[in-house]
Structures are given as structure tokens and as C-alpha cells.
């Protein structure tokens, strides 16, 4: 929970609460439940992991319900981020209508975040022993960036920049518009005093040489093949960080990490957030004789 508390403070918490409000607003009123239950009716439900998976997003249970009712209780049976086999992970007691309205929103969050953490953990395991750190990217679902990057952390990965203000990055369009890497670096250092760290996206060996000469803090080797990566790495001194990006998959991750003569410091993987399969969780009424799962 310490990671959650430190991550979701300030604007992170603000964005999270806004996202929850939007998710609940998308569902409008729960007319089915309103027609079946009185305001005083209370239900108990359990959330179950249906596969082996990390469990990420448990604090969202309370945050979602809090926007609908103050009359609820919930408890978890596992710690946030725990890797579990199929089992019951949490229990909720709340008025029937708010609970039935909240259940899909809660499940959507937990399934999605747990899936990201699970995929991230697989990538981290593949890098074990190489000394190379796994980074996420800004290829996130609009409005869900903070949650998705939190899930990467819980899977053992590292966050790249959270937003465009956190680190300066010269990408291909910036460089093309500025005229050259050298001109872009000079302009940024003139604009900001002191200047934040600058990362330069390099597509060719000529770009790498120019970024090295310009003392970029980090050099991204973007969509290079193995031969180009080896040549580029040989050009970059140890004091300048190196990030490999583009075309990274689980089956070629370790191979990329082991390319020399010096190794990269980071490998960034967009699919951690844009292509992770959701983990499987369900919510079931605990005091329903039929025990039907809530869709």
C-alpha cells in the first residue's frame, strides 16, 4: 500500500478520482437494480481471482464505492500486488444498488491493472541478471496513464516520464522541425536555465554521433536492428544513458539486453500498457443462494 499512497497523491489522486467519476457516469443509473431492490437492501459480494495473477488495484474498491455511498465495508484477503492462485481476494458489504452499479467498474480496473502487472512481471523476469531496467512508455490509455504506470511498477518495471514536462525528449518530429539534433539541443539549453535532462531519439548512427557530441543525457536507439544497435552502443560513453526502444518483444528482450560492447541501461516496451491482456476476476453475491456471478 505504500506504493499506492505515494503514487496517488497530488495530481495523481485528482486524475484518479476524475476517472472514477467518468467511469460511473458512463453507466448512468442502475435501473435494473433500482427496480429490484429497496434503498435499505444490503448485499455482500466477494471478488475472486480466476487465474494465477498479481492482484493490483484493491484500493479502488473503496474509492469507487465512496463516490456512490458512505454505507459500505470492504476487506481484502491478500496484499496489494500479491501474486495469487485462484482464490477469493476481497469481500464487500454495501447497499444493493450502489454495489451493483460499482461492480463492473471495480472489476474493469482490477482486471486491467492486474493484467499489466502480470505482463510486466514476465518481461522483468526475462531481464533478470542483465542489469538492464524495463521502462514503460506514454503509449497508455487516455485518462488511465497514472493507473497503468502504477501497474507497471507493481509488476516490477520502472516508469519513464509521467508527462511531457517531466523530462525533455527530442523525438523525430522535434528534430526535423528544429533542423538538427545539435540545433535542437542548443535551443533547449537556451530556453531553460537550468535545463532539465534531455533524451534524444536516434534513428541512425549519424544521429547517435550527433547526440553524443551534444552531450545528451540519454540516447534512445529507436527501431534499430541488432547490427545497428551494436555499432551504436560502441559509440556511446558510459556517462550517457542508453535506452533501446521499438520492436521489443518478450522473445527478443534478453537478446537486446545482452548486445554489447556496452549494454543499454534501459529497454522501453509500449506493449506493457497498450497490449496487456486483462487478468480474470469475477464478483459473486455471497448471500445469494443461487451464487450467481454479477456480470
C-alpha atoms as a PDB file:
ATOM      1  CA  UNK A   1       0.000   0.000   0.000  1.00  0.00           C
ATOM      2  CA  UNK A   2       2.951   2.349   0.480  1.00  0.00           C
ATOM      3  CA  UNK A   3       3.496   2.497  -3.276  1.00  0.00           C
ATOM      4  CA  UNK A   4      -0.189   3.317  -3.808  1.00  0.00           C
ATOM      5  CA  UNK A   5      -0.182   6.106  -1.215  1.00  0.00           C
ATOM      6  CA  UNK A   6       2.981   7.715  -2.572  1.00  0.00           C
ATOM      7  CA  UNK A   7       1.894   7.318  -6.198  1.00  0.00           C
ATOM      8  CA  UNK A   8      -1.658   8.608  -5.852  1.00  0.00           C
ATOM      9  CA  UNK A   9      -1.160  11.899  -4.081  1.00  0.00           C
ATOM     10  CA  UNK A  10      -1.472  15.383  -5.515  1.00  0.00           C
ATOM     11  CA  UNK A  11      -2.457  15.420  -9.162  1.00  0.00           C
ATOM     12  CA  UNK A  12      -2.264  11.628  -9.397  1.00  0.00           C
ATOM     13  CA  UNK A  13      -5.155  11.337  -6.944  1.00  0.00           C
ATOM     14  CA  UNK A  14      -7.024  14.133  -8.697  1.00  0.00           C
ATOM     15  CA  UNK A  15      -6.791  12.362 -12.050  1.00  0.00           C
ATOM     16  CA  UNK A  16      -7.831   9.072 -10.446  1.00  0.00           C
ATOM     17  CA  UNK A  17     -10.960  10.496  -8.816  1.00  0.00           C
ATOM     18  CA  UNK A  18     -11.929  12.215 -12.075  1.00  0.00           C
ATOM     19  CA  UNK A  19     -11.516   8.938 -13.953  1.00  0.00           C
ATOM     20  CA  UNK A  20     -13.669   7.028 -11.469  1.00  0.00           C
ATOM     21  CA  UNK A  21     -16.386   9.688 -11.734  1.00  0.00           C
ATOM     22  CA  UNK A  22     -16.332   9.405 -15.533  1.00  0.00           C
ATOM     23  CA  UNK A  23     -16.468   5.598 -15.427  1.00  0.00           C
ATOM     24  CA  UNK A  24     -19.513   5.710 -13.154  1.00  0.00           C
ATOM     25  CA  UNK A  25     -21.171   8.422 -15.249  1.00  0.00           C
ATOM     26  CA  UNK A  26     -20.785   6.299 -18.391  1.00  0.00           C
ATOM     27  CA  UNK A  27     -23.036   3.669 -16.807  1.00  0.00           C
ATOM     28  CA  UNK A  28     -25.723   6.222 -15.847  1.00  0.00           C
ATOM     29  CA  UNK A  29     -28.345   4.893 -13.402  1.00  0.00           C
ATOM     30  CA  UNK A  30     -28.518   1.226 -12.481  1.00  0.00           C
ATOM     31  CA  UNK A  31     -32.199   0.966 -13.405  1.00  0.00           C
ATOM     32  CA  UNK A  32     -32.266  -2.823 -13.180  1.00  0.00           C
ATOM     33  CA  UNK A  33     -31.092  -2.840  -9.579  1.00  0.00           C
ATOM     34  CA  UNK A  34     -33.283   0.158  -8.703  1.00  0.00           C
ATOM     35  CA  UNK A  35     -36.302  -1.801  -9.871  1.00  0.00           C
ATOM     36  CA  UNK A  36     -35.392  -4.890  -7.876  1.00  0.00           C
ATOM     37  CA  UNK A  37     -34.090  -3.569  -4.558  1.00  0.00           C
ATOM     38  CA  UNK A  38     -35.199  -1.060  -1.927  1.00  0.00           C
ATOM     39  CA  UNK A  39     -32.714   1.604  -0.805  1.00  0.00           C
ATOM     40  CA  UNK A  40     -32.371  -0.205   2.527  1.00  0.00           C
ATOM     41  CA  UNK A  41     -31.453  -3.572   0.962  1.00  0.00           C
ATOM     42  CA  UNK A  42     -27.862  -4.638   1.599  1.00  0.00           C
ATOM     43  CA  UNK A  43     -25.806  -7.217  -0.244  1.00  0.00           C
ATOM     44  CA  UNK A  44     -22.499  -8.923   0.391  1.00  0.00           C
ATOM     45  CA  UNK A  45     -20.220  -9.835  -2.513  1.00  0.00           C
ATOM     46  CA  UNK A  46     -16.834 -11.449  -2.949  1.00  0.00           C
ATOM     47  CA  UNK A  47     -14.226 -10.827  -5.631  1.00  0.00           C
ATOM     48  CA  UNK A  48     -12.358 -13.884  -6.839  1.00  0.00           C
ATOM     49  CA  UNK A  49      -9.215 -14.289  -8.913  1.00  0.00           C
ATOM     50  CA  UNK A  50      -9.978 -16.963 -11.502  1.00  0.00           C
ATOM     51  CA  UNK A  51      -6.390 -17.452 -12.653  1.00  0.00           C
ATOM     52  CA  UNK A  52      -2.841 -17.161 -11.344  1.00  0.00           C
ATOM     53  CA  UNK A  53      -2.125 -13.448 -11.422  1.00  0.00           C
ATOM     54  CA  UNK A  54      -0.867 -10.467  -9.480  1.00  0.00           C
ATOM     55  CA  UNK A  55      -3.676  -8.578  -7.731  1.00  0.00           C
ATOM     56  CA  UNK A  56      -3.434  -4.863  -8.460  1.00  0.00           C
ATOM     57  CA  UNK A  57      -5.985  -2.149  -7.798  1.00  0.00           C
ATOM     58  CA  UNK A  58      -7.517  -3.228  -4.494  1.00  0.00           C
ATOM     59  CA  UNK A  59      -7.692   0.357  -3.112  1.00  0.00           C
ATOM     60  CA  UNK A  60     -10.015   1.207  -5.998  1.00  0.00           C
ATOM     61  CA  UNK A  61     -12.767  -0.833  -4.337  1.00  0.00           C
ATOM     62  CA  UNK A  62     -13.201   1.767  -1.636  1.00  0.00           C
ATOM     63  CA  UNK A  63     -12.603   4.735  -3.925  1.00  0.00           C
ATOM     64  CA  UNK A  64     -15.306   3.627  -6.378  1.00  0.00           C
ATOM     65  CA  UNK A  65     -17.861   2.848  -3.681  1.00  0.00           C
ATOM     66  CA  UNK A  66     -17.099   6.119  -1.892  1.00  0.00           C
ATOM     67  CA  UNK A  67     -18.425   8.054  -4.894  1.00  0.00           C
ATOM     68  CA  UNK A  68     -21.746   6.195  -4.629  1.00  0.00           C
ATOM     69  CA  UNK A  69     -22.401   5.647  -0.926  1.00  0.00           C
ATOM     70  CA  UNK A  70     -20.891   6.089   2.517  1.00  0.00           C
ATOM     71  CA  UNK A  71     -22.591   2.938   3.777  1.00  0.00           C
ATOM     72  CA  UNK A  72     -20.128   0.253   2.774  1.00  0.00           C
ATOM     73  CA  UNK A  73     -17.449  -2.006   4.210  1.00  0.00           C
ATOM     74  CA  UNK A  74     -14.797  -3.945   2.392  1.00  0.00           C
ATOM     75  CA  UNK A  75     -11.756  -6.002   3.273  1.00  0.00           C
ATOM     76  CA  UNK A  76      -9.074  -7.752   1.298  1.00  0.00           C
ATOM     77  CA  UNK A  77      -7.635 -11.185   1.941  1.00  0.00           C
ATOM     78  CA  UNK A  78      -4.367 -10.527   0.066  1.00  0.00           C
ATOM     79  CA  UNK A  79      -1.935  -7.647   0.000  1.00  0.00           C
ATOM     80  CA  UNK A  80      -1.848  -5.240  -2.924  1.00  0.00           C
ATOM     81  CA  UNK A  81       0.465  -6.624  -5.618  1.00  0.00           C
ATOM     82  CA  UNK A  82       0.427 -10.201  -4.299  1.00  0.00           C
ATOM     83  CA  UNK A  83       0.749 -12.995  -6.843  1.00  0.00           C
ATOM     84  CA  UNK A  84      -2.108 -15.438  -6.201  1.00  0.00           C
ATOM     85  CA  UNK A  85      -3.606 -18.655  -7.493  1.00  0.00           C
ATOM     86  CA  UNK A  86      -7.396 -18.772  -7.988  1.00  0.00           C
ATOM     87  CA  UNK A  87      -8.921 -17.612  -4.707  1.00  0.00           C
ATOM     88  CA  UNK A  88     -11.237 -15.080  -3.070  1.00  0.00           C
ATOM     89  CA  UNK A  89      -9.301 -11.823  -2.745  1.00  0.00           C
ATOM     90  CA  UNK A  90     -11.847  -9.390  -1.246  1.00  0.00           C
ATOM     91  CA  UNK A  91     -15.267  -9.045   0.332  1.00  0.00           C
ATOM     92  CA  UNK A  92     -17.688  -6.092   0.097  1.00  0.00           C
ATOM     93  CA  UNK A  93     -20.868  -5.259   2.007  1.00  0.00           C
ATOM     94  CA  UNK A  94     -22.898  -2.317   0.692  1.00  0.00           C
ATOM     95  CA  UNK A  95     -26.414  -1.176  -0.264  1.00  0.00           C
ATOM     96  CA  UNK A  96     -27.617  -3.255  -3.202  1.00  0.00           C
ATOM     97  CA  UNK A  97     -27.962  -0.511  -5.835  1.00  0.00           C
ATOM     98  CA  UNK A  98     -24.553   1.151  -5.319  1.00  0.00           C
ATOM     99  CA  UNK A  99     -22.863  -2.240  -5.109  1.00  0.00           C
ATOM    100  CA  UNK A 100     -24.400  -3.479  -8.347  1.00  0.00           C
ATOM    101  CA  UNK A 101     -23.563  -0.204 -10.073  1.00  0.00           C
ATOM    102  CA  UNK A 102     -19.959  -0.281  -8.846  1.00  0.00           C
ATOM    103  CA  UNK A 103     -19.148  -3.922  -9.558  1.00  0.00           C
ATOM    104  CA  UNK A 104     -18.253  -3.683 -13.246  1.00  0.00           C
ATOM    105  CA  UNK A 105     -16.220  -0.515 -12.767  1.00  0.00           C
ATOM    106  CA  UNK A 106     -14.283  -2.153  -9.927  1.00  0.00           C
ATOM    107  CA  UNK A 107     -13.708  -5.326 -11.941  1.00  0.00           C
ATOM    108  CA  UNK A 108     -12.663  -3.399 -15.041  1.00  0.00           C
ATOM    109  CA  UNK A 109      -9.962  -1.613 -13.076  1.00  0.00           C
ATOM    110  CA  UNK A 110      -8.647  -4.678 -11.239  1.00  0.00           C
ATOM    111  CA  UNK A 111      -8.685  -6.926 -14.333  1.00  0.00           C
ATOM    112  CA  UNK A 112      -6.872  -4.329 -16.448  1.00  0.00           C
ATOM    113  CA  UNK A 113      -4.242  -3.310 -13.897  1.00  0.00           C
ATOM    114  CA  UNK A 114      -3.525  -6.875 -12.815  1.00  0.00           C
ATOM    115  CA  UNK A 115      -3.048  -7.855 -16.457  1.00  0.00           C
ATOM    116  CA  UNK A 116      -0.498  -5.082 -16.952  1.00  0.00           C
ATOM    117  CA  UNK A 117       1.365  -6.128 -13.815  1.00  0.00           C
ATOM    118  CA  UNK A 118       1.362  -9.757 -14.951  1.00  0.00           C
ATOM    119  CA  UNK A 119       2.809  -8.951 -18.376  1.00  0.00           C
ATOM    120  CA  UNK A 120       5.356  -6.596 -16.832  1.00  0.00           C
ATOM    121  CA  UNK A 121       6.479  -9.295 -14.398  1.00  0.00           C
ATOM    122  CA  UNK A 122       7.119 -11.647 -17.344  1.00  0.00           C
ATOM    123  CA  UNK A 123       9.337  -9.034 -19.006  1.00  0.00           C
ATOM    124  CA  UNK A 124      11.174  -8.283 -15.768  1.00  0.00           C
ATOM    125  CA  UNK A 125      11.861 -11.983 -15.293  1.00  0.00           C
ATOM    126  CA  UNK A 126      13.299 -12.200 -18.809  1.00  0.00           C
ATOM    127  CA  UNK A 127      15.730  -9.357 -17.965  1.00  0.00           C
ATOM    128  CA  UNK A 128      16.842 -10.881 -14.673  1.00  0.00           C
ATOM    129  CA  UNK A 129      20.608 -10.766 -14.246  1.00  0.00           C
ATOM    130  CA  UNK A 130      21.284  -8.413 -17.157  1.00  0.00           C
ATOM    131  CA  UNK A 131      21.287  -5.186 -15.151  1.00  0.00           C
ATOM    132  CA  UNK A 132      19.002  -3.586 -17.745  1.00  0.00           C
ATOM    133  CA  UNK A 133      15.902  -1.850 -16.408  1.00  0.00           C
ATOM    134  CA  UNK A 134      12.473  -2.199 -18.002  1.00  0.00           C
ATOM    135  CA  UNK A 135      10.641   1.040 -18.814  1.00  0.00           C
ATOM    136  CA  UNK A 136       7.070   1.761 -19.795  1.00  0.00           C
ATOM    137  CA  UNK A 137       6.130   4.483 -22.312  1.00  0.00           C
ATOM    138  CA  UNK A 138       3.410   7.078 -22.878  1.00  0.00           C
ATOM    139  CA  UNK A 139       1.527   4.555 -25.027  1.00  0.00           C
ATOM    140  CA  UNK A 140      -1.178   4.448 -22.399  1.00  0.00           C
ATOM    141  CA  UNK A 141      -4.974   4.531 -22.489  1.00  0.00           C
ATOM    142  CA  UNK A 142      -6.104   8.184 -22.421  1.00  0.00           C
ATOM    143  CA  UNK A 143      -7.154   9.057 -18.889  1.00  0.00           C
ATOM    144  CA  UNK A 144      -5.631   5.905 -17.388  1.00  0.00           C
ATOM    145  CA  UNK A 145      -1.925   6.751 -17.561  1.00  0.00           C
ATOM    146  CA  UNK A 146      -1.337   7.038 -13.820  1.00  0.00           C
ATOM    147  CA  UNK A 147      -3.137   3.773 -13.102  1.00  0.00           C
ATOM    148  CA  UNK A 148      -1.388   1.906 -15.903  1.00  0.00           C
ATOM    149  CA  UNK A 149       2.057   3.178 -14.921  1.00  0.00           C
ATOM    150  CA  UNK A 150       1.307   2.261 -11.314  1.00  0.00           C
ATOM    151  CA  UNK A 151       0.519  -1.285 -12.501  1.00  0.00           C
ATOM    152  CA  UNK A 152       3.890  -1.409 -14.287  1.00  0.00           C
ATOM    153  CA  UNK A 153       5.597  -0.510 -11.001  1.00  0.00           C
ATOM    154  CA  UNK A 154       3.678  -3.259  -9.226  1.00  0.00           C
ATOM    155  CA  UNK A 155       4.877  -5.723 -11.842  1.00  0.00           C
ATOM    156  CA  UNK A 156       8.494  -4.792 -11.137  1.00  0.00           C
ATOM    157  CA  UNK A 157       9.055  -2.369 -14.018  1.00  0.00           C
ATOM    158  CA  UNK A 158      10.120   1.275 -13.946  1.00  0.00           C
ATOM    159  CA  UNK A 159       8.280   4.366 -15.093  1.00  0.00           C
ATOM    160  CA  UNK A 160       9.590   6.593 -17.858  1.00  0.00           C
ATOM    161  CA  UNK A 161       8.292  10.152 -17.699  1.00  0.00           C
ATOM    162  CA  UNK A 162       4.743  10.621 -16.470  1.00  0.00           C
ATOM    163  CA  UNK A 163       4.101  13.612 -18.703  1.00  0.00           C
ATOM    164  CA  UNK A 164       5.772  15.879 -21.241  1.00  0.00           C
ATOM    165  CA  UNK A 165       7.081  18.226 -18.539  1.00  0.00           C
ATOM    166  CA  UNK A 166       8.969  15.628 -16.541  1.00  0.00           C
ATOM    167  CA  UNK A 167      11.831  15.171 -18.997  1.00  0.00           C
ATOM    168  CA  UNK A 168      12.773  16.808 -22.278  1.00  0.00           C
ATOM    169  CA  UNK A 169      12.729  14.397 -25.191  1.00  0.00           C
ATOM    170  CA  UNK A 170      13.773  15.217 -28.726  1.00  0.00           C
ATOM    171  CA  UNK A 171      11.754  12.922 -30.944  1.00  0.00           C
ATOM    172  CA  UNK A 172      11.925  12.714 -34.740  1.00  0.00           C
ATOM    173  CA  UNK A 173       9.375  15.475 -35.338  1.00  0.00           C
ATOM    174  CA  UNK A 174      11.136  17.848 -32.940  1.00  0.00           C
ATOM    175  CA  UNK A 175      14.479  17.191 -34.623  1.00  0.00           C
ATOM    176  CA  UNK A 176      13.089  17.541 -38.140  1.00  0.00           C
ATOM    177  CA  UNK A 177      11.376  20.822 -37.241  1.00  0.00           C
ATOM    178  CA  UNK A 178      14.450  22.217 -35.467  1.00  0.00           C
ATOM    179  CA  UNK A 179      16.759  21.304 -38.340  1.00  0.00           C
ATOM    180  CA  UNK A 180      19.164  19.030 -36.484  1.00  0.00           C
ATOM    181  CA  UNK A 181      19.870  17.428 -33.141  1.00  0.00           C
ATOM    182  CA  UNK A 182      22.617  19.959 -32.435  1.00  0.00           C
ATOM    183  CA  UNK A 183      20.345  22.913 -33.121  1.00  0.00           C
ATOM    184  CA  UNK A 184      17.549  21.410 -31.015  1.00  0.00           C
ATOM    185  CA  UNK A 185      19.878  20.772 -28.067  1.00  0.00           C
ATOM    186  CA  UNK A 186      21.206  24.319 -28.234  1.00  0.00           C
ATOM    187  CA  UNK A 187      17.704  25.780 -28.364  1.00  0.00           C
ATOM    188  CA  UNK A 188      16.529  23.785 -25.341  1.00  0.00           C
ATOM    189  CA  UNK A 189      19.563  24.744 -23.260  1.00  0.00           C
ATOM    190  CA  UNK A 190      18.983  28.365 -24.174  1.00  0.00           C
ATOM    191  CA  UNK A 191      15.285  28.154 -23.261  1.00  0.00           C
ATOM    192  CA  UNK A 192      15.712  26.508 -19.836  1.00  0.00           C
ATOM    193  CA  UNK A 193      18.260  27.511 -17.228  1.00  0.00           C
ATOM    194  CA  UNK A 194      18.932  25.193 -15.562  1.00  0.00           C
ATOM    195  CA  UNK A 195      17.975  22.808 -18.333  1.00  0.00           C
ATOM    196  CA  UNK A 196      16.224  19.550 -17.386  1.00  0.00           C
ATOM    197  CA  UNK A 197      17.756  16.265 -18.585  1.00  0.00           C
ATOM    198  CA  UNK A 198      17.390  15.738 -22.332  1.00  0.00           C
ATOM    199  CA  UNK A 199      16.799  12.444 -24.116  1.00  0.00           C
ATOM    200  CA  UNK A 200      17.365  12.229 -27.864  1.00  0.00           C
ATOM    201  CA  UNK A 201      15.626   9.713 -30.115  1.00  0.00           C
ATOM    202  CA  UNK A 202      18.164   8.452 -32.657  1.00  0.00           C
ATOM    203  CA  UNK A 203      17.222   6.624 -35.834  1.00  0.00           C
ATOM    204  CA  UNK A 204      20.665   6.418 -37.463  1.00  0.00           C
ATOM    205  CA  UNK A 205      24.314   6.142 -36.444  1.00  0.00           C
ATOM    206  CA  UNK A 206      24.778   9.731 -37.612  1.00  0.00           C
ATOM    207  CA  UNK A 207      22.103  10.766 -35.135  1.00  0.00           C
ATOM    208  CA  UNK A 208      23.917   8.847 -32.383  1.00  0.00           C
ATOM    209  CA  UNK A 209      27.209  10.590 -33.121  1.00  0.00           C
ATOM    210  CA  UNK A 210      25.494  13.970 -33.057  1.00  0.00           C
ATOM    211  CA  UNK A 211      23.704  13.221 -29.781  1.00  0.00           C
ATOM    212  CA  UNK A 212      26.950  12.009 -28.192  1.00  0.00           C
ATOM    213  CA  UNK A 213      28.797  15.132 -29.322  1.00  0.00           C
ATOM    214  CA  UNK A 214      25.950  17.265 -27.975  1.00  0.00           C
ATOM    215  CA  UNK A 215      26.181  15.594 -24.545  1.00  0.00           C
ATOM    216  CA  UNK A 216      22.591  14.398 -24.454  1.00  0.00           C
ATOM    217  CA  UNK A 217      21.792  12.901 -21.065  1.00  0.00           C
ATOM    218  CA  UNK A 218      20.128   9.850 -22.575  1.00  0.00           C
ATOM    219  CA  UNK A 219      20.195   8.432 -26.073  1.00  0.00           C
ATOM    220  CA  UNK A 220      17.301   6.353 -27.342  1.00  0.00           C
ATOM    221  CA  UNK A 221      18.175   3.826 -30.035  1.00  0.00           C
ATOM    222  CA  UNK A 222      14.892   3.607 -31.883  1.00  0.00           C
ATOM    223  CA  UNK A 223      13.897   0.673 -34.095  1.00  0.00           C
ATOM    224  CA  UNK A 224      17.474  -0.377 -34.881  1.00  0.00           C
ATOM    225  CA  UNK A 225      18.403  -3.923 -35.861  1.00  0.00           C
ATOM    226  CA  UNK A 226      20.965  -5.963 -33.915  1.00  0.00           C
ATOM    227  CA  UNK A 227      23.912  -4.873 -36.054  1.00  0.00           C
ATOM    228  CA  UNK A 228      22.977  -1.197 -35.830  1.00  0.00           C
ATOM    229  CA  UNK A 229      22.491  -1.466 -32.067  1.00  0.00           C
ATOM    230  CA  UNK A 230      25.956  -2.978 -31.587  1.00  0.00           C
ATOM    231  CA  UNK A 231      27.513  -0.218 -33.687  1.00  0.00           C
ATOM    232  CA  UNK A 232      25.564   2.489 -31.866  1.00  0.00           C
ATOM    233  CA  UNK A 233      26.400   1.158 -28.403  1.00  0.00           C
ATOM    234  CA  UNK A 234      30.096   1.245 -29.278  1.00  0.00           C
ATOM    235  CA  UNK A 235      29.804   4.989 -29.926  1.00  0.00           C
ATOM    236  CA  UNK A 236      28.186   5.962 -26.620  1.00  0.00           C
ATOM    237  CA  UNK A 237      30.291   6.580 -23.499  1.00  0.00           C
ATOM    238  CA  UNK A 238      29.186   5.158 -20.159  1.00  0.00           C
ATOM    239  CA  UNK A 239      28.293   8.578 -18.741  1.00  0.00           C
ATOM    240  CA  UNK A 240      25.461   8.910 -21.274  1.00  0.00           C
ATOM    241  CA  UNK A 241      22.487   6.647 -20.614  1.00  0.00           C
ATOM    242  CA  UNK A 242      21.170   4.396 -23.382  1.00  0.00           C
ATOM    243  CA  UNK A 243      17.601   3.272 -23.958  1.00  0.00           C
ATOM    244  CA  UNK A 244      16.604   0.694 -26.581  1.00  0.00           C
ATOM    245  CA  UNK A 245      13.097   1.102 -27.978  1.00  0.00           C
ATOM    246  CA  UNK A 246      10.980  -0.205 -30.823  1.00  0.00           C
ATOM    247  CA  UNK A 247      10.222  -3.752 -31.903  1.00  0.00           C
ATOM    248  CA  UNK A 248      10.795  -5.152 -28.412  1.00  0.00           C
ATOM    249  CA  UNK A 249       9.025  -8.426 -27.647  1.00  0.00           C
ATOM    250  CA  UNK A 250       9.281 -10.942 -24.866  1.00  0.00           C
ATOM    251  CA  UNK A 251      11.062 -13.382 -27.177  1.00  0.00           C
ATOM    252  CA  UNK A 252      13.830 -10.935 -28.175  1.00  0.00           C
ATOM    253  CA  UNK A 253      14.093  -8.913 -24.955  1.00  0.00           C
ATOM    254  CA  UNK A 254      17.058 -10.689 -23.412  1.00  0.00           C
ATOM    255  CA  UNK A 255      18.911 -10.774 -26.712  1.00  0.00           C
ATOM    256  CA  UNK A 256      18.588  -6.986 -26.954  1.00  0.00           C
ATOM    257  CA  UNK A 257      19.706  -6.553 -23.354  1.00  0.00           C
ATOM    258  CA  UNK A 258      22.875  -8.553 -23.945  1.00  0.00           C
ATOM    259  CA  UNK A 259      24.074  -6.693 -27.031  1.00  0.00           C
ATOM    260  CA  UNK A 260      27.495  -5.085 -26.404  1.00  0.00           C
ATOM    261  CA  UNK A 261      30.173  -3.838 -26.261  1.00  0.00           C
ATOM    262  CA  UNK A 262      28.400  -1.823 -23.558  1.00  0.00           C
ATOM    263  CA  UNK A 263      24.883  -2.778 -22.585  1.00  0.00           C
ATOM    264  CA  UNK A 264      21.876  -0.483 -22.645  1.00  0.00           C
ATOM    265  CA  UNK A 265      20.711   0.982 -19.365  1.00  0.00           C
ATOM    266  CA  UNK A 266      17.023   0.715 -20.238  1.00  0.00           C
ATOM    267  CA  UNK A 267      14.683  -1.055 -22.610  1.00  0.00           C
ATOM    268  CA  UNK A 268      11.269   0.550 -23.096  1.00  0.00           C
ATOM    269  CA  UNK A 269       8.232  -1.508 -24.069  1.00  0.00           C
ATOM    270  CA  UNK A 270       4.963   0.084 -25.175  1.00  0.00           C
ATOM    271  CA  UNK A 271       3.052  -3.192 -25.161  1.00  0.00           C
ATOM    272  CA  UNK A 272       3.208  -3.316 -21.347  1.00  0.00           C
ATOM    273  CA  UNK A 273       0.349  -0.823 -21.298  1.00  0.00           C
ATOM    274  CA  UNK A 274      -1.208  -0.924 -24.763  1.00  0.00           C
ATOM    275  CA  UNK A 275      -1.389  -4.687 -25.291  1.00  0.00           C
ATOM    276  CA  UNK A 276      -1.604  -6.434 -21.918  1.00  0.00           C
ATOM    277  CA  UNK A 277      -4.418  -8.977 -21.669  1.00  0.00           C
ATOM    278  CA  UNK A 278      -6.763  -8.466 -18.738  1.00  0.00           C
ATOM    279  CA  UNK A 279      -6.486 -10.877 -15.834  1.00  0.00           C
ATOM    280  CA  UNK A 280      -9.669 -12.788 -14.987  1.00  0.00           C
ATOM    281  CA  UNK A 281     -11.610 -11.781 -11.861  1.00  0.00           C
ATOM    282  CA  UNK A 282     -15.286 -12.131 -11.012  1.00  0.00           C
ATOM    283  CA  UNK A 283     -17.666 -10.742  -8.404  1.00  0.00           C
ATOM    284  CA  UNK A 284     -20.272 -13.031  -6.815  1.00  0.00           C
ATOM    285  CA  UNK A 285     -23.046 -12.338  -4.327  1.00  0.00           C
ATOM    286  CA  UNK A 286     -22.066 -14.051  -1.102  1.00  0.00           C
ATOM    287  CA  UNK A 287     -25.593 -14.027   0.349  1.00  0.00           C
ATOM    288  CA  UNK A 288     -27.370 -15.191  -2.798  1.00  0.00           C
ATOM    289  CA  UNK A 289     -28.498 -18.816  -2.585  1.00  0.00           C
ATOM    290  CA  UNK A 290     -28.000 -19.233  -6.318  1.00  0.00           C
ATOM    291  CA  UNK A 291     -24.485 -17.800  -6.087  1.00  0.00           C
ATOM    292  CA  UNK A 292     -24.715 -16.185  -9.477  1.00  0.00           C
ATOM    293  CA  UNK A 293     -21.747 -14.125 -10.634  1.00  0.00           C
ATOM    294  CA  UNK A 294     -22.568 -10.497 -11.339  1.00  0.00           C
ATOM    295  CA  UNK A 295     -21.900  -9.631 -14.973  1.00  0.00           C
END
